[in-house]
Amino acid sequence: CQECHECDGEGIVFWNTDKHRYEAECAE
């Protein structure tokens, strides 16, 4: 296998809005 390019191997992805920071399981 190889490290997931979508989450950099973390298994979790993060994104921000103007007010909040969110995280979710990487779908890739």
PDB file of all heavy atoms in Angstrom:
ATOM      1  N   CYS A   1       0.833  -1.184   0.000  1.00  0.00           N
ATOM      2  CA  CYS A   1       0.000   0.000   0.000  1.00  0.00           C
ATOM      3  C   CYS A   1       0.877   1.246   0.000  1.00  0.00           C
ATOM      4  O   CYS A   1       2.106   1.157   0.066  1.00  0.00           O
ATOM      5  CB  CYS A   1      -0.933  -0.002   1.211  1.00  0.00           C
ATOM      6  SG  CYS A   1      -0.049  -0.060   2.783  1.00  0.00           S
ATOM      7  N   GLN A   2       0.229   2.375  -0.046  1.00  0.00           N
ATOM      8  CA  GLN A   2       0.935   3.646  -0.001  1.00  0.00           C
ATOM      9  C   GLN A   2       0.117   4.627   0.821  1.00  0.00           C
ATOM     10  O   GLN A   2      -1.085   4.442   1.024  1.00  0.00           O
ATOM     11  CB  GLN A   2       1.155   4.192  -1.403  1.00  0.00           C
ATOM     12  CG  GLN A   2      -0.117   4.385  -2.209  1.00  0.00           C
ATOM     13  CD  GLN A   2       0.150   4.751  -3.641  1.00  0.00           C
ATOM     14  OE1 GLN A   2       0.976   5.608  -3.919  1.00  0.00           O
ATOM     15  NE2 GLN A   2      -0.529   4.102  -4.577  1.00  0.00           N
ATOM     16  N   GLU A   3       0.779   5.645   1.307  1.00  0.00           N
ATOM     17  CA  GLU A   3       0.102   6.649   2.118  1.00  0.00           C
ATOM     18  C   GLU A   3      -0.966   7.355   1.295  1.00  0.00           C
ATOM     19  O   GLU A   3      -0.744   7.712   0.142  1.00  0.00           O
ATOM     20  CB  GLU A   3       1.127   7.665   2.629  1.00  0.00           C
ATOM     21  CG  GLU A   3       0.583   8.641   3.638  1.00  0.00           C
ATOM     22  CD  GLU A   3       1.645   9.566   4.185  1.00  0.00           C
ATOM     23  OE1 GLU A   3       2.301   9.199   5.179  1.00  0.00           O
ATOM     24  OE2 GLU A   3       1.840  10.646   3.595  1.00  0.00           O
ATOM     25  N   CYS A   4      -2.123   7.518   1.879  1.00  0.00           N
ATOM     26  CA  CYS A   4      -3.229   8.160   1.183  1.00  0.00           C
ATOM     27  C   CYS A   4      -2.887   9.617   0.877  1.00  0.00           C
ATOM     28  O   CYS A   4      -2.512  10.380   1.776  1.00  0.00           O
ATOM     29  CB  CYS A   4      -4.503   8.079   2.035  1.00  0.00           C
ATOM     30  SG  CYS A   4      -5.927   8.916   1.302  1.00  0.00           S
ATOM     31  N   HIS A   5      -3.013  10.016  -0.383  1.00  0.00           N
ATOM     32  CA  HIS A   5      -2.667  11.376  -0.798  1.00  0.00           C
ATOM     33  C   HIS A   5      -3.723  12.391  -0.376  1.00  0.00           C
ATOM     34  O   HIS A   5      -3.450  13.593  -0.289  1.00  0.00           O
ATOM     35  CB  HIS A   5      -2.495  11.423  -2.320  1.00  0.00           C
ATOM     36  CG  HIS A   5      -3.669  10.888  -3.076  1.00  0.00           C
ATOM     37  ND1 HIS A   5      -4.806  11.614  -3.299  1.00  0.00           N
ATOM     38  CD2 HIS A   5      -3.880   9.664  -3.635  1.00  0.00           C
ATOM     39  CE1 HIS A   5      -5.670  10.888  -3.982  1.00  0.00           C
ATOM     40  NE2 HIS A   5      -5.157   9.695  -4.204  1.00  0.00           N
ATOM     41  N   GLU A   6      -4.933  11.904  -0.096  1.00  0.00           N
ATOM     42  CA  GLU A   6      -6.020  12.814   0.252  1.00  0.00           C
ATOM     43  C   GLU A   6      -5.894  13.319   1.691  1.00  0.00           C
ATOM     44  O   GLU A   6      -6.200  14.478   1.983  1.00  0.00           O
ATOM     45  CB  GLU A   6      -7.364  12.108   0.070  1.00  0.00           C
ATOM     46  CG  GLU A   6      -8.568  13.001   0.235  1.00  0.00           C
ATOM     47  CD  GLU A   6      -8.726  13.995  -0.908  1.00  0.00           C
ATOM     48  OE1 GLU A   6      -8.198  13.746  -2.014  1.00  0.00           O
ATOM     49  OE2 GLU A   6      -9.390  15.021  -0.680  1.00  0.00           O
ATOM     50  N   CYS A   7      -5.435  12.450   2.585  1.00  0.00           N
ATOM     51  CA  CYS A   7      -5.342  12.820   4.011  1.00  0.00           C
ATOM     52  C   CYS A   7      -3.913  12.773   4.538  1.00  0.00           C
ATOM     53  O   CYS A   7      -3.693  12.917   5.742  1.00  0.00           O
ATOM     54  CB  CYS A   7      -6.227  11.909   4.861  1.00  0.00           C
ATOM     55  SG  CYS A   7      -5.718  10.168   4.839  1.00  0.00           S
ATOM     56  N   ASP A   8      -2.949  12.528   3.649  1.00  0.00           N
ATOM     57  CA  ASP A   8      -1.527  12.434   4.039  1.00  0.00           C
ATOM     58  C   ASP A   8      -1.294  11.372   5.099  1.00  0.00           C
ATOM     59  O   ASP A   8      -0.477  11.544   6.009  1.00  0.00           O
ATOM     60  CB  ASP A   8      -1.008  13.793   4.538  1.00  0.00           C
ATOM     61  CG  ASP A   8      -0.999  14.843   3.435  1.00  0.00           C
ATOM     62  OD1 ASP A   8      -0.758  14.474   2.276  1.00  0.00           O
ATOM     63  OD2 ASP A   8      -1.244  16.026   3.743  1.00  0.00           O
ATOM     64  N   GLY A   9      -2.051  10.272   5.004  1.00  0.00           N
ATOM     65  CA  GLY A   9      -1.846   9.162   5.922  1.00  0.00           C
ATOM     66  C   GLY A   9      -2.491   9.318   7.280  1.00  0.00           C
ATOM     67  O   GLY A   9      -2.337   8.465   8.152  1.00  0.00           O
ATOM     68  N   GLU A  10      -3.243  10.395   7.493  1.00  0.00           N
ATOM     69  CA  GLU A  10      -3.862  10.640   8.793  1.00  0.00           C
ATOM     70  C   GLU A  10      -5.155   9.856   8.982  1.00  0.00           C
ATOM     71  O   GLU A  10      -5.577   9.592  10.109  1.00  0.00           O
ATOM     72  CB  GLU A  10      -4.150  12.137   8.965  1.00  0.00           C
ATOM     73  CG  GLU A  10      -2.914  13.005   9.072  1.00  0.00           C
ATOM     74  CD  GLU A  10      -2.136  12.731  10.330  1.00  0.00           C
ATOM     75  OE1 GLU A  10      -2.754  12.457  11.379  1.00  0.00           O
ATOM     76  OE2 GLU A  10      -0.891  12.775  10.274  1.00  0.00           O
ATOM     77  N   GLY A  11      -5.827   9.523   7.880  1.00  0.00           N
ATOM     78  CA  GLY A  11      -7.113   8.850   7.988  1.00  0.00           C
ATOM     79  C   GLY A  11      -8.259   9.807   8.243  1.00  0.00           C
ATOM     80  O   GLY A  11      -9.420   9.421   8.278  1.00  0.00           O
ATOM     81  N   ILE A  12      -7.936  11.079   8.438  1.00  0.00           N
ATOM     82  CA  ILE A  12      -8.920  12.119   8.731  1.00  0.00           C
ATOM     83  C   ILE A  12      -8.621  13.327   7.848  1.00  0.00           C
ATOM     84  O   ILE A  12      -7.459  13.673   7.641  1.00  0.00           O
ATOM     85  CB  ILE A  12      -8.878  12.539  10.217  1.00  0.00           C
ATOM     86  CG1 ILE A  12      -9.213  11.350  11.119  1.00  0.00           C
ATOM     87  CG2 ILE A  12      -9.833  13.692  10.494  1.00  0.00           C
ATOM     88  CD1 ILE A  12      -9.048  11.657  12.588  1.00  0.00           C
ATOM     89  N   VAL A  13      -9.653  13.953   7.336  1.00  0.00           N
ATOM     90  CA  VAL A  13      -9.485  15.193   6.581  1.00  0.00           C
ATOM     91  C   VAL A  13     -10.087  16.347   7.378  1.00  0.00           C
ATOM     92  O   VAL A  13     -11.030  16.159   8.165  1.00  0.00           O
ATOM     93  CB  VAL A  13     -10.147  15.099   5.187  1.00  0.00           C
ATOM     94  CG1 VAL A  13      -9.409  14.104   4.316  1.00  0.00           C
ATOM     95  CG2 VAL A  13     -11.619  14.697   5.301  1.00  0.00           C
ATOM     96  N   PHE A  14      -9.519  17.527   7.186  1.00  0.00           N
ATOM     97  CA  PHE A  14      -9.948  18.710   7.922  1.00  0.00           C
ATOM     98  C   PHE A  14     -10.316  19.820   6.939  1.00  0.00           C
ATOM     99  O   PHE A  14      -9.750  19.915   5.851  1.00  0.00           O
ATOM    100  CB  PHE A  14      -8.818  19.214   8.829  1.00  0.00           C
ATOM    101  CG  PHE A  14      -8.292  18.187   9.795  1.00  0.00           C
ATOM    102  CD1 PHE A  14      -7.246  17.342   9.428  1.00  0.00           C
ATOM    103  CD2 PHE A  14      -8.831  18.060  11.062  1.00  0.00           C
ATOM    104  CE1 PHE A  14      -6.754  16.396  10.306  1.00  0.00           C
ATOM    105  CE2 PHE A  14      -8.346  17.116  11.953  1.00  0.00           C
ATOM    106  CZ  PHE A  14      -7.312  16.288  11.573  1.00  0.00           C
ATOM    107  N   TRP A  15     -11.263  20.649   7.315  1.00  0.00           N
ATOM    108  CA  TRP A  15     -11.554  21.844   6.533  1.00  0.00           C
ATOM    109  C   TRP A  15     -12.124  22.918   7.465  1.00  0.00           C
ATOM    110  O   TRP A  15     -12.645  22.631   8.543  1.00  0.00           O
ATOM    111  CB  TRP A  15     -12.507  21.536   5.388  1.00  0.00           C
ATOM    112  CG  TRP A  15     -13.918  21.215   5.774  1.00  0.00           C
ATOM    113  CD1 TRP A  15     -14.968  22.076   5.825  1.00  0.00           C
ATOM    114  CD2 TRP A  15     -14.434  19.928   6.158  1.00  0.00           C
ATOM    115  NE1 TRP A  15     -16.102  21.411   6.218  1.00  0.00           N
ATOM    116  CE2 TRP A  15     -15.806  20.098   6.412  1.00  0.00           C
ATOM    117  CE3 TRP A  15     -13.856  18.651   6.298  1.00  0.00           C
ATOM    118  CZ2 TRP A  15     -16.614  19.038   6.827  1.00  0.00           C
ATOM    119  CZ3 TRP A  15     -14.653  17.609   6.689  1.00  0.00           C
ATOM    120  CH2 TRP A  15     -16.021  17.789   6.948  1.00  0.00           C
ATOM    121  N   ASN A  16     -11.963  24.147   7.034  1.00  0.00           N
ATOM    122  CA  ASN A  16     -12.371  25.292   7.848  1.00  0.00           C
ATOM    123  C   ASN A  16     -13.431  26.109   7.137  1.00  0.00           C
ATOM    124  O   ASN A  16     -13.459  26.200   5.900  1.00  0.00           O
ATOM    125  CB  ASN A  16     -11.171  26.197   8.149  1.00  0.00           C
ATOM    126  CG  ASN A  16     -10.103  25.486   8.942  1.00  0.00           C
ATOM    127  OD1 ASN A  16     -10.398  24.836   9.927  1.00  0.00           O
ATOM    128  ND2 ASN A  16      -8.856  25.602   8.498  1.00  0.00           N
ATOM    129  N   THR A  17     -14.312  26.695   7.926  1.00  0.00           N
ATOM    130  CA  THR A  17     -15.228  27.716   7.431  1.00  0.00           C
ATOM    131  C   THR A  17     -14.851  29.029   8.105  1.00  0.00           C
ATOM    132  O   THR A  17     -13.849  29.099   8.827  1.00  0.00           O
ATOM    133  CB  THR A  17     -16.684  27.342   7.760  1.00  0.00           C
ATOM    134  OG1 THR A  17     -16.866  27.355   9.189  1.00  0.00           O
ATOM    135  CG2 THR A  17     -17.032  25.974   7.216  1.00  0.00           C
ATOM    136  N   ASP A  18     -15.610  30.026   7.899  1.00  0.00           N
ATOM    137  CA  ASP A  18     -15.299  31.316   8.524  1.00  0.00           C
ATOM    138  C   ASP A  18     -15.342  31.242  10.044  1.00  0.00           C
ATOM    139  O   ASP A  18     -14.645  31.994  10.735  1.00  0.00           O
ATOM    140  CB  ASP A  18     -16.282  32.392   8.046  1.00  0.00           C
ATOM    141  CG  ASP A  18     -16.098  32.727   6.573  1.00  0.00           C
ATOM    142  OD1 ASP A  18     -14.996  32.439   6.056  1.00  0.00           O
ATOM    143  OD2 ASP A  18     -17.044  33.250   5.957  1.00  0.00           O
ATOM    144  N   LYS A  19     -16.157  30.311  10.566  1.00  0.00           N
ATOM    145  CA  LYS A  19     -16.340  30.277  12.018  1.00  0.00           C
ATOM    146  C   LYS A  19     -15.882  28.979  12.672  1.00  0.00           C
ATOM    147  O   LYS A  19     -15.609  28.955  13.867  1.00  0.00           O
ATOM    148  CB  LYS A  19     -17.828  30.498  12.352  1.00  0.00           C
ATOM    149  CG  LYS A  19     -18.340  31.867  11.957  1.00  0.00           C
ATOM    150  CD  LYS A  19     -19.793  32.030  12.375  1.00  0.00           C
ATOM    151  CE  LYS A  19     -20.307  33.427  12.006  1.00  0.00           C
ATOM    152  NZ  LYS A  19     -21.735  33.601  12.404  1.00  0.00           N
ATOM    153  N   HIS A  20     -15.811  27.892  11.914  1.00  0.00           N
ATOM    154  CA  HIS A  20     -15.560  26.606  12.550  1.00  0.00           C
ATOM    155  C   HIS A  20     -14.515  25.796  11.782  1.00  0.00           C
ATOM    156  O   HIS A  20     -14.258  26.038  10.597  1.00  0.00           O
ATOM    157  CB  HIS A  20     -16.854  25.789  12.651  1.00  0.00           C
ATOM    158  CG  HIS A  20     -17.940  26.465  13.423  1.00  0.00           C
ATOM    159  ND1 HIS A  20     -17.922  26.576  14.798  1.00  0.00           N
ATOM    160  CD2 HIS A  20     -19.081  27.084  13.003  1.00  0.00           C
ATOM    161  CE1 HIS A  20     -19.000  27.213  15.193  1.00  0.00           C
ATOM    162  NE2 HIS A  20     -19.717  27.538  14.133  1.00  0.00           N
ATOM    163  N   ARG A  21     -13.946  24.815  12.506  1.00  0.00           N
ATOM    164  CA  ARG A  21     -13.029  23.848  11.906  1.00  0.00           C
ATOM    165  C   ARG A  21     -13.681  22.471  12.015  1.00  0.00           C
ATOM    166  O   ARG A  21     -14.177  22.096  13.084  1.00  0.00           O
ATOM    167  CB  ARG A  21     -11.679  23.839  12.640  1.00  0.00           C
ATOM    168  CG  ARG A  21     -10.686  22.798  12.106  1.00  0.00           C
ATOM    169  CD  ARG A  21      -9.352  22.945  12.825  1.00  0.00           C
ATOM    170  NE  ARG A  21      -8.423  21.870  12.524  1.00  0.00           N
ATOM    171  CZ  ARG A  21      -7.659  21.813  11.448  1.00  0.00           C
ATOM    172  NH1 ARG A  21      -7.709  22.793  10.562  1.00  0.00           N
ATOM    173  NH2 ARG A  21      -6.821  20.810  11.251  1.00  0.00           N
ATOM    174  N   TYR A  22     -13.695  21.711  10.939  1.00  0.00           N
ATOM    175  CA  TYR A  22     -14.356  20.420  10.921  1.00  0.00           C
ATOM    176  C   TYR A  22     -13.367  19.314  10.566  1.00  0.00           C
ATOM    177  O   TYR A  22     -12.315  19.563   9.969  1.00  0.00           O
ATOM    178  CB  TYR A  22     -15.490  20.413   9.885  1.00  0.00           C
ATOM    179  CG  TYR A  22     -16.594  21.406  10.180  1.00  0.00           C
ATOM    180  CD1 TYR A  22     -16.541  22.692   9.648  1.00  0.00           C
ATOM    181  CD2 TYR A  22     -17.675  21.055  10.977  1.00  0.00           C
ATOM    182  CE1 TYR A  22     -17.547  23.602   9.909  1.00  0.00           C
ATOM    183  CE2 TYR A  22     -18.690  21.955  11.242  1.00  0.00           C
ATOM    184  CZ  TYR A  22     -18.631  23.237  10.703  1.00  0.00           C
ATOM    185  OH  TYR A  22     -19.629  24.131  10.963  1.00  0.00           O
ATOM    186  N   GLU A  23     -13.726  18.099  10.946  1.00  0.00           N
ATOM    187  CA  GLU A  23     -12.936  16.938  10.555  1.00  0.00           C
ATOM    188  C   GLU A  23     -13.878  15.776  10.282  1.00  0.00           C
ATOM    189  O   GLU A  23     -14.977  15.710  10.823  1.00  0.00           O
ATOM    190  CB  GLU A  23     -11.929  16.552  11.637  1.00  0.00           C
ATOM    191  CG  GLU A  23     -12.545  16.079  12.945  1.00  0.00           C
ATOM    192  CD  GLU A  23     -11.483  15.676  13.953  1.00  0.00           C
ATOM    193  OE1 GLU A  23     -10.721  16.553  14.383  1.00  0.00           O
ATOM    194  OE2 GLU A  23     -11.441  14.464  14.291  1.00  0.00           O
ATOM    195  N   ALA A  24     -13.424  14.869   9.416  1.00  0.00           N
ATOM    196  CA  ALA A  24     -14.241  13.706   9.064  1.00  0.00           C
ATOM    197  C   ALA A  24     -13.332  12.589   8.584  1.00  0.00           C
ATOM    198  O   ALA A  24     -12.173  12.821   8.195  1.00  0.00           O
ATOM    199  CB  ALA A  24     -15.255  14.063   7.980  1.00  0.00           C
ATOM    200  N   GLU A  25     -13.859  11.368   8.628  1.00  0.00           N
ATOM    201  CA  GLU A  25     -13.104  10.227   8.118  1.00  0.00           C
ATOM    202  C   GLU A  25     -12.842  10.416   6.636  1.00  0.00           C
ATOM    203  O   GLU A  25     -13.728  10.825   5.888  1.00  0.00           O
ATOM    204  CB  GLU A  25     -13.885   8.942   8.358  1.00  0.00           C
ATOM    205  CG  GLU A  25     -13.206   7.689   7.848  1.00  0.00           C
ATOM    206  CD  GLU A  25     -14.038   6.441   8.080  1.00  0.00           C
ATOM    207  OE1 GLU A  25     -14.007   5.936   9.220  1.00  0.00           O
ATOM    208  OE2 GLU A  25     -14.722   5.995   7.147  1.00  0.00           O
ATOM    209  N   CYS A  26     -11.614  10.131   6.225  1.00  0.00           N
ATOM    210  CA  CYS A  26     -11.242  10.277   4.821  1.00  0.00           C
ATOM    211  C   CYS A  26     -12.017   9.277   3.969  1.00  0.00           C
ATOM    212  O   CYS A  26     -11.991   8.069   4.228  1.00  0.00           O
ATOM    213  CB  CYS A  26      -9.742  10.059   4.648  1.00  0.00           C
ATOM    214  SG  CYS A  26      -9.176  10.162   2.929  1.00  0.00           S
ATOM    215  N   ALA A  27     -12.701   9.776   2.953  1.00  0.00           N
ATOM    216  CA  ALA A  27     -13.501   8.910   2.083  1.00  0.00           C
ATOM    217  C   ALA A  27     -12.633   8.138   1.095  1.00  0.00           C
ATOM    218  O   ALA A  27     -13.064   7.131   0.546  1.00  0.00           O
ATOM    219  CB  ALA A  27     -14.527   9.755   1.326  1.00  0.00           C
ATOM    220  N   GLU A  28     -11.417   8.602   0.877  1.00  0.00           N
ATOM    221  CA  GLU A  28     -10.535   7.943  -0.078  1.00  0.00           C
ATOM    222  C   GLU A  28      -9.967   6.644   0.486  1.00  0.00           C
ATOM    223  O   GLU A  28      -9.882   5.629  -0.203  1.00  0.00           O
ATOM    224  CB  GLU A  28      -9.384   8.882  -0.459  1.00  0.00           C
ATOM    225  CG  GLU A  28      -8.421   8.337  -1.492  1.00  0.00           C
ATOM    226  CD  GLU A  28      -9.015   8.284  -2.887  1.00  0.00           C
ATOM    227  OE1 GLU A  28     -10.042   8.971  -3.127  1.00  0.00           O
ATOM    228  OE2 GLU A  28      -8.469   7.572  -3.740  1.00  0.00           O
TER     229      GLU A  28
END
